[in-house]
Amino acid sequence: GDAKLTELHDRLVQLKNNYKLVHPNEEFNGIAIIQADKAVEFKSLKKVMYSAGVAGYQNVNFAVQPKAK
């Protein structure tokens, strides 16, 4: 089946379209930063990454908190 998370996808498309309206002379950079707890299953993260990609966010990064020394 489709791994896309529909609500997330639709919201990301809406945000992308709003950006294009507010910044008509700028190219949309498609950056998405994902932050998740290490207990989140990879299958769930994969769905988030896929949904972002399909919505036009091709530059997906992860926010990482370094271990305390």
Protein backbone atom coordinates (compact mmCIF):
# COMPACT_ATOMS: atom_id res chain seq x y z
CA GLY A 1 0.00 0.00 0.00
CA ASP A 2 0.87 3.65 -0.06
CA ALA A 3 3.29 4.55 2.72
CA LYS A 4 2.23 8.20 2.57
CA LEU A 5 0.80 9.80 5.71
CA THR A 6 -2.04 11.77 4.12
CA GLU A 7 -2.52 14.45 6.78
CA LEU A 8 1.22 15.15 7.00
CA HIS A 9 1.56 15.20 3.22
CA ASP A 10 -1.36 17.61 2.77
CA ARG A 11 -0.04 19.97 5.46
CA LEU A 12 3.45 20.00 3.94
CA VAL A 13 2.03 20.74 0.48
CA GLN A 14 -0.01 23.57 1.99
CA LEU A 15 3.10 25.02 3.68
CA LYS A 16 5.09 24.73 0.43
CA ASN A 17 2.35 26.51 -1.53
CA ASN A 18 2.13 29.26 1.10
CA TYR A 19 5.90 29.76 0.88
CA LYS A 20 5.69 30.11 -2.89
CA LEU A 21 2.92 32.72 -2.54
CA VAL A 22 4.84 34.77 0.02
CA HIS A 23 8.19 34.41 -1.81
CA PRO A 24 7.29 34.39 -5.52
CA ASN A 25 10.82 35.20 -6.68
CA GLU A 26 12.58 32.58 -4.55
CA GLU A 27 13.04 28.90 -5.26
CA PHE A 28 11.53 26.54 -2.69
CA ASN A 29 14.46 24.71 -1.06
CA GLY A 30 12.48 21.68 0.11
CA ILE A 31 14.22 21.35 3.47
CA ALA A 32 12.54 19.28 6.20
CA ILE A 33 14.14 18.61 9.58
CA ILE A 34 12.84 15.59 11.47
CA GLN A 35 13.23 15.15 15.20
CA ALA A 36 12.22 11.85 16.76
CA ASP A 37 12.83 9.93 19.93
CA LYS A 38 15.05 6.88 19.55
CA ALA A 39 12.10 4.72 20.60
CA VAL A 40 10.22 5.58 17.38
CA GLU A 41 10.20 2.63 14.99
CA PHE A 42 12.12 3.06 11.75
CA LYS A 43 9.01 2.04 9.80
CA SER A 44 7.25 5.13 11.16
CA LEU A 45 10.20 7.39 10.34
CA LYS A 46 10.31 5.95 6.85
CA LYS A 47 6.65 6.92 6.33
CA VAL A 48 7.39 10.47 7.51
CA MET A 49 10.40 10.71 5.16
CA TYR A 50 8.40 9.32 2.24
CA SER A 51 5.49 11.70 2.88
CA ALA A 52 7.88 14.66 2.97
CA GLY A 53 9.55 13.58 -0.25
CA VAL A 54 6.27 13.15 -2.12
CA ALA A 55 5.17 16.60 -0.89
CA GLY A 56 8.27 18.19 -2.46
CA TYR A 57 10.66 18.21 0.49
CA GLN A 58 13.64 16.46 -1.11
CA ASN A 59 16.20 17.66 1.43
CA VAL A 60 15.33 15.74 4.61
CA ASN A 61 17.63 16.03 7.62
CA PHE A 62 17.50 14.74 11.18
CA ALA A 63 17.92 16.82 14.31
CA VAL A 64 20.32 14.96 16.56
CA GLN A 65 21.06 15.60 20.22
CA PRO A 66 24.63 14.61 21.04
CA LYS A 67 25.33 12.36 23.99
CA ALA A 68 26.31 14.12 27.19
CA LYS A 69 29.97 13.81 28.09
